[in-house]
Amino acid sequence: MGLFKRKAKKKLEFTEYANYKGKDAKKRASLLTSFDRMEYMIVTDNSQETLFKICDTILAGKAVLANFDKLDARDANDMLAFISGVVYAKHGEVYKLDQKLFLFGRKEEYEDGSLYQYVEDTK
């Protein structure tokens, strides 16, 4: 009487996000949002090493939340001008969150919306 026939069990297959080659491969490559990958830096000196470290982080694909409270206004403005140029070259955005607190990121970091949400939450 095959009234209650057993179904064949399906074998579950798990895909790796890193190896995903589907339609939205770039978006699914990482489970973390841009906000989760953001780096926070307290800038204490205006050395080229610090400046290049911030720029390299931005160019590597991470947003940077930089705090310039420890610098005087002139040194902070010099660094802001250079970093803003790097962000502009990558079609990114700069947000002033406080008197000396800035968020830098390329346009790719703002695509998931988590950084925009952070900016709105801090206002």
N, C-alpha and C. Protein backbone atom coordinates (compact mmCIF):
# COMPACT_ATOMS: atom_id res chain seq x y z
N MET A 1 0.83 -1.18 0.00
CA MET A 1 0.00 0.00 0.00
C MET A 1 0.87 1.23 0.00
N GLY A 2 1.32 1.83 -0.73
CA GLY A 2 2.23 2.96 -0.71
C GLY A 2 1.57 4.28 -0.39
N LEU A 3 0.71 4.30 0.60
CA LEU A 3 0.02 5.53 0.95
C LEU A 3 0.98 6.56 1.57
N PHE A 4 1.84 6.08 2.42
CA PHE A 4 2.80 6.97 3.07
C PHE A 4 4.20 6.64 2.56
N LYS A 5 4.47 7.08 1.40
CA LYS A 5 5.73 6.78 0.74
C LYS A 5 6.84 7.68 1.28
N ARG A 6 7.97 7.11 1.54
CA ARG A 6 9.10 7.89 2.03
C ARG A 6 9.74 8.65 0.89
N LYS A 7 10.02 9.91 1.18
CA LYS A 7 10.71 10.73 0.20
C LYS A 7 12.21 10.52 0.34
N ALA A 8 12.88 10.63 -0.76
CA ALA A 8 14.33 10.53 -0.73
C ALA A 8 14.90 11.75 -0.02
N LYS A 9 15.86 11.53 0.84
CA LYS A 9 16.46 12.63 1.58
C LYS A 9 17.36 13.44 0.65
N LYS A 10 17.20 14.74 0.75
CA LYS A 10 18.05 15.63 -0.04
C LYS A 10 19.36 15.84 0.70
N LYS A 11 20.40 15.85 -0.06
CA LYS A 11 21.71 16.11 0.53
C LYS A 11 21.91 17.62 0.58
N LEU A 12 22.21 18.13 1.75
CA LEU A 12 22.43 19.56 1.91
C LEU A 12 23.83 19.92 1.45
N GLU A 13 23.90 20.98 0.66
CA GLU A 13 25.19 21.47 0.21
C GLU A 13 25.36 22.90 0.68
N PHE A 14 26.50 23.17 1.26
CA PHE A 14 26.80 24.50 1.74
C PHE A 14 27.84 25.13 0.83
N THR A 15 27.62 26.38 0.51
CA THR A 15 28.58 27.08 -0.33
C THR A 15 29.40 28.02 0.53
N GLU A 16 30.59 28.24 0.13
CA GLU A 16 31.45 29.20 0.80
C GLU A 16 31.17 30.57 0.21
N TYR A 17 31.04 31.57 1.06
CA TYR A 17 30.79 32.92 0.56
C TYR A 17 31.98 33.43 -0.24
N ALA A 18 33.16 33.03 0.14
CA ALA A 18 34.34 33.50 -0.59
C ALA A 18 34.39 32.95 -2.01
N ASN A 19 33.79 31.77 -2.23
CA ASN A 19 33.82 31.15 -3.55
C ASN A 19 32.52 31.36 -4.31
N TYR A 20 31.66 32.19 -3.83
CA TYR A 20 30.37 32.41 -4.47
C TYR A 20 30.57 33.11 -5.81
N LYS A 21 29.98 32.54 -6.86
CA LYS A 21 30.16 33.10 -8.19
C LYS A 21 28.82 33.46 -8.82
N GLY A 22 27.84 33.74 -8.00
CA GLY A 22 26.51 34.06 -8.50
C GLY A 22 26.39 35.49 -8.99
N LYS A 23 25.14 35.90 -9.13
CA LYS A 23 24.83 37.21 -9.68
C LYS A 23 25.39 38.36 -8.84
N ASP A 24 25.26 38.25 -7.53
CA ASP A 24 25.72 39.30 -6.63
C ASP A 24 26.96 38.86 -5.86
N ALA A 25 27.91 38.32 -6.56
CA ALA A 25 29.10 37.75 -5.91
C ALA A 25 29.85 38.79 -5.09
N LYS A 26 29.97 40.00 -5.59
CA LYS A 26 30.73 41.02 -4.88
C LYS A 26 30.04 41.41 -3.58
N LYS A 27 28.72 41.51 -3.61
CA LYS A 27 27.99 41.91 -2.42
C LYS A 27 27.97 40.81 -1.37
N ARG A 28 27.97 39.55 -1.78
CA ARG A 28 27.90 38.45 -0.83
C ARG A 28 29.27 37.98 -0.36
N ALA A 29 30.31 38.57 -0.86
CA ALA A 29 31.65 38.10 -0.53
C ALA A 29 31.96 38.28 0.95
N SER A 30 31.32 39.20 1.61
CA SER A 30 31.62 39.46 3.00
C SER A 30 30.33 39.52 3.80
N LEU A 31 30.34 38.90 4.94
CA LEU A 31 29.17 38.93 5.81
C LEU A 31 29.17 40.16 6.70
N LEU A 32 30.28 40.86 6.78
CA LEU A 32 30.38 42.05 7.61
C LEU A 32 29.98 43.29 6.83
N THR A 33 29.36 44.23 7.52
CA THR A 33 29.01 45.49 6.89
C THR A 33 30.22 46.42 6.90
N SER A 34 30.12 47.50 6.17
CA SER A 34 31.21 48.48 6.15
C SER A 34 31.43 49.07 7.54
N PHE A 35 30.35 49.22 8.29
CA PHE A 35 30.47 49.74 9.66
C PHE A 35 31.28 48.78 10.52
N ASP A 36 31.08 47.47 10.35
CA ASP A 36 31.81 46.48 11.12
C ASP A 36 33.30 46.48 10.78
N ARG A 37 33.64 46.79 9.55
CA ARG A 37 35.03 46.77 9.10
C ARG A 37 35.72 48.12 9.28
N MET A 38 34.99 49.13 9.72
CA MET A 38 35.54 50.48 9.87
C MET A 38 36.65 50.49 10.93
N GLU A 39 37.67 51.30 10.68
CA GLU A 39 38.76 51.45 11.64
C GLU A 39 38.68 52.82 12.29
N TYR A 40 38.91 52.84 13.60
CA TYR A 40 38.90 54.08 14.37
C TYR A 40 40.33 54.45 14.69
N MET A 41 40.71 55.67 14.34
CA MET A 41 42.08 56.11 14.58
C MET A 41 42.08 57.43 15.34
N ILE A 42 42.86 57.48 16.39
CA ILE A 42 43.09 58.73 17.11
C ILE A 42 44.42 59.27 16.61
N VAL A 43 44.39 60.41 15.94
CA VAL A 43 45.58 60.99 15.34
C VAL A 43 46.28 61.84 16.39
N THR A 44 47.49 61.45 16.75
CA THR A 44 48.23 62.17 17.80
C THR A 44 49.36 63.03 17.25
N ASP A 45 49.81 62.73 16.05
CA ASP A 45 50.87 63.54 15.45
C ASP A 45 50.59 63.70 13.96
N ASN A 46 51.23 64.70 13.38
CA ASN A 46 50.99 64.98 11.96
C ASN A 46 52.12 64.44 11.08
N SER A 47 52.63 63.27 11.42
CA SER A 47 53.72 62.69 10.64
C SER A 47 53.18 62.09 9.34
N GLN A 48 54.08 61.96 8.39
CA GLN A 48 53.70 61.36 7.11
C GLN A 48 53.31 59.89 7.30
N GLU A 49 53.93 59.23 8.25
CA GLU A 49 53.62 57.83 8.51
C GLU A 49 52.16 57.66 8.92
N THR A 50 51.70 58.50 9.82
CA THR A 50 50.30 58.46 10.25
C THR A 50 49.37 58.79 9.10
N LEU A 51 49.72 59.80 8.34
CA LEU A 51 48.92 60.23 7.20
C LEU A 51 48.80 59.11 6.16
N PHE A 52 49.91 58.47 5.84
CA PHE A 52 49.89 57.40 4.84
C PHE A 52 49.18 56.16 5.37
N LYS A 53 49.25 55.92 6.67
CA LYS A 53 48.54 54.78 7.25
C LYS A 53 47.03 54.96 7.09
N ILE A 54 46.53 56.16 7.33
CA ILE A 54 45.10 56.44 7.16
C ILE A 54 44.71 56.27 5.69
N CYS A 55 45.52 56.82 4.79
CA CYS A 55 45.22 56.74 3.36
C CYS A 55 45.29 55.30 2.86
N ASP A 56 46.26 54.53 3.33
CA ASP A 56 46.37 53.13 2.92
C ASP A 56 45.17 52.32 3.40
N THR A 57 44.67 52.63 4.58
CA THR A 57 43.49 51.94 5.09
C THR A 57 42.28 52.24 4.22
N ILE A 58 42.13 53.49 3.82
CA ILE A 58 41.02 53.87 2.94
C ILE A 58 41.15 53.18 1.59
N LEU A 59 42.34 53.20 1.03
CA LEU A 59 42.56 52.57 -0.27
C LEU A 59 42.42 51.05 -0.22
N ALA A 60 42.62 50.45 0.96
CA ALA A 60 42.47 49.01 1.13
C ALA A 60 41.01 48.59 1.22
N GLY A 61 40.10 49.55 1.27
CA GLY A 61 38.68 49.20 1.28
C GLY A 61 38.01 49.25 2.63
N LYS A 62 38.56 50.00 3.55
CA LYS A 62 37.93 50.16 4.86
C LYS A 62 37.65 51.63 5.11
N ALA A 63 36.53 51.90 5.72
CA ALA A 63 36.22 53.27 6.13
C ALA A 63 37.06 53.61 7.36
N VAL A 64 37.36 54.88 7.53
CA VAL A 64 38.17 55.33 8.66
C VAL A 64 37.42 56.41 9.42
N LEU A 65 37.30 56.22 10.71
CA LEU A 65 36.76 57.24 11.60
C LEU A 65 37.96 57.84 12.32
N ALA A 66 38.32 59.07 11.96
CA ALA A 66 39.54 59.69 12.47
C ALA A 66 39.20 60.80 13.46
N ASN A 67 39.88 60.76 14.59
CA ASN A 67 39.70 61.75 15.65
C ASN A 67 40.96 62.62 15.69
N PHE A 68 40.79 63.90 15.40
CA PHE A 68 41.91 64.84 15.35
C PHE A 68 41.98 65.73 16.59
N ASP A 69 41.40 65.32 17.71
CA ASP A 69 41.37 66.14 18.93
C ASP A 69 42.76 66.44 19.48
N LYS A 70 43.70 65.55 19.30
CA LYS A 70 45.04 65.72 19.87
C LYS A 70 45.92 66.66 19.04
N LEU A 71 45.45 67.08 17.85
CA LEU A 71 46.23 67.96 16.98
C LEU A 71 45.70 69.38 17.05
N ASP A 72 46.59 70.34 16.78
CA ASP A 72 46.10 71.71 16.66
C ASP A 72 45.40 71.88 15.31
N ALA A 73 44.69 72.97 15.16
CA ALA A 73 43.82 73.17 13.99
C ALA A 73 44.60 73.19 12.68
N ARG A 74 45.77 73.80 12.68
CA ARG A 74 46.55 73.91 11.44
C ARG A 74 47.01 72.54 10.93
N ASP A 75 47.56 71.74 11.84
CA ASP A 75 48.03 70.40 11.46
C ASP A 75 46.86 69.51 11.03
N ALA A 76 45.74 69.63 11.74
CA ALA A 76 44.57 68.83 11.38
C ALA A 76 44.05 69.22 10.00
N ASN A 77 44.05 70.51 9.69
CA ASN A 77 43.59 70.96 8.37
C ASN A 77 44.50 70.46 7.25
N ASP A 78 45.81 70.45 7.50
CA ASP A 78 46.74 69.93 6.50
C ASP A 78 46.48 68.45 6.21
N MET A 79 46.27 67.68 7.27
CA MET A 79 46.00 66.25 7.08
C MET A 79 44.65 66.03 6.42
N LEU A 80 43.66 66.81 6.83
CA LEU A 80 42.32 66.69 6.23
C LEU A 80 42.35 66.97 4.73
N ALA A 81 43.12 67.96 4.33
CA ALA A 81 43.20 68.30 2.91
C ALA A 81 43.78 67.14 2.11
N PHE A 82 44.82 66.51 2.62
CA PHE A 82 45.44 65.40 1.89
C PHE A 82 44.52 64.19 1.85
N ILE A 83 43.94 63.83 3.00
CA ILE A 83 43.06 62.66 3.06
C ILE A 83 41.82 62.89 2.20
N SER A 84 41.29 64.10 2.23
CA SER A 84 40.12 64.42 1.40
C SER A 84 40.43 64.27 -0.09
N GLY A 85 41.66 64.60 -0.48
CA GLY A 85 42.07 64.41 -1.87
C GLY A 85 42.09 62.95 -2.26
N VAL A 86 42.56 62.10 -1.37
CA VAL A 86 42.57 60.66 -1.63
C VAL A 86 41.14 60.14 -1.75
N VAL A 87 40.28 60.57 -0.85
CA VAL A 87 38.88 60.13 -0.88
C VAL A 87 38.19 60.63 -2.14
N TYR A 88 38.46 61.86 -2.54
CA TYR A 88 37.88 62.42 -3.76
C TYR A 88 38.33 61.63 -4.99
N ALA A 89 39.59 61.24 -5.02
CA ALA A 89 40.11 60.48 -6.16
C ALA A 89 39.44 59.12 -6.29
N LYS A 90 38.96 58.56 -5.18
CA LYS A 90 38.27 57.27 -5.20
C LYS A 90 36.75 57.44 -5.22
N HIS A 91 36.28 58.66 -5.51
CA HIS A 91 34.85 58.98 -5.57
C HIS A 91 34.14 58.67 -4.25
N GLY A 92 34.83 58.95 -3.16
CA GLY A 92 34.28 58.68 -1.84
C GLY A 92 33.62 59.90 -1.22
N GLU A 93 33.36 59.79 0.06
CA GLU A 93 32.69 60.86 0.80
C GLU A 93 33.37 61.07 2.14
N VAL A 94 33.30 62.32 2.60
CA VAL A 94 33.84 62.70 3.91
C VAL A 94 32.70 63.31 4.71
N TYR A 95 32.51 62.84 5.94
CA TYR A 95 31.48 63.40 6.81
C TYR A 95 32.13 63.94 8.08
N LYS A 96 31.73 65.14 8.45
CA LYS A 96 32.18 65.74 9.70
C LYS A 96 31.14 65.38 10.76
N LEU A 97 31.54 64.57 11.72
CA LEU A 97 30.61 64.10 12.74
C LEU A 97 30.66 64.94 14.01
N ASP A 98 31.80 65.56 14.27
CA ASP A 98 31.98 66.40 15.44
C ASP A 98 33.02 67.45 15.08
N GLN A 99 33.40 68.27 16.05
CA GLN A 99 34.35 69.35 15.77
C GLN A 99 35.62 68.83 15.10
N LYS A 100 36.18 67.74 15.61
CA LYS A 100 37.41 67.18 15.04
C LYS A 100 37.29 65.67 14.82
N LEU A 101 36.11 65.21 14.45
CA LEU A 101 35.85 63.80 14.19
C LEU A 101 35.29 63.65 12.78
N PHE A 102 35.98 62.88 11.95
CA PHE A 102 35.61 62.76 10.54
C PHE A 102 35.52 61.30 10.13
N LEU A 103 34.59 61.03 9.21
CA LEU A 103 34.42 59.70 8.64
C LEU A 103 34.81 59.76 7.17
N PHE A 104 35.78 58.94 6.78
CA PHE A 104 36.26 58.88 5.41
C PHE A 104 35.95 57.51 4.83
N GLY A 105 35.54 57.49 3.56
CA GLY A 105 35.33 56.20 2.91
C GLY A 105 35.14 56.34 1.42
N ARG A 106 35.49 55.28 0.70
CA ARG A 106 35.26 55.25 -0.75
C ARG A 106 33.77 55.02 -1.00
N LYS A 107 33.35 55.17 -2.23
CA LYS A 107 31.93 54.99 -2.53
C LYS A 107 31.48 53.56 -2.29
N GLU A 108 32.37 52.59 -2.44
CA GLU A 108 32.01 51.18 -2.22
C GLU A 108 31.65 50.91 -0.76
N GLU A 109 32.28 51.62 0.16
CA GLU A 109 31.97 51.41 1.57
C GLU A 109 30.60 51.95 1.96
N TYR A 110 30.11 52.91 1.22
CA TYR A 110 28.81 53.50 1.54
C TYR A 110 27.66 52.75 0.87
N GLU A 111 27.94 51.78 0.00
CA GLU A 111 26.88 51.12 -0.77
C GLU A 111 25.93 50.30 0.08
N ASP A 112 26.41 49.69 1.17
CA ASP A 112 25.51 48.84 1.96
C ASP A 112 24.62 49.64 2.91
N GLY A 113 24.87 50.92 3.08
CA GLY A 113 24.00 51.78 3.88
C GLY A 113 24.33 51.84 5.36
N SER A 114 25.23 50.99 5.84
CA SER A 114 25.52 50.97 7.27
C SER A 114 26.26 52.24 7.72
N LEU A 115 27.10 52.79 6.86
CA LEU A 115 27.80 54.02 7.23
C LEU A 115 26.86 55.22 7.19
N TYR A 116 25.96 55.25 6.22
CA TYR A 116 24.96 56.32 6.19
C TYR A 116 24.10 56.28 7.45
N GLN A 117 23.75 55.07 7.88
CA GLN A 117 22.96 54.92 9.11
C GLN A 117 23.74 55.43 10.31
N TYR A 118 25.03 55.15 10.36
CA TYR A 118 25.87 55.62 11.46
C TYR A 118 25.93 57.15 11.48
N VAL A 119 26.07 57.76 10.31
CA VAL A 119 26.12 59.22 10.22
C VAL A 119 24.81 59.81 10.72
N GLU A 120 23.69 59.23 10.31
CA GLU A 120 22.39 59.74 10.75
C GLU A 120 22.19 59.55 12.25
N ASP A 121 22.68 58.45 12.79
CA ASP A 121 22.52 58.18 14.23
C ASP A 121 23.36 59.12 15.09
N THR A 122 24.48 59.60 14.57
CA THR A 122 25.34 60.48 15.36
C THR A 122 24.92 61.94 15.30
N LYS A 123 24.04 62.29 14.40
CA LYS A 123 23.58 63.69 14.30
C LYS A 123 22.57 64.00 15.36
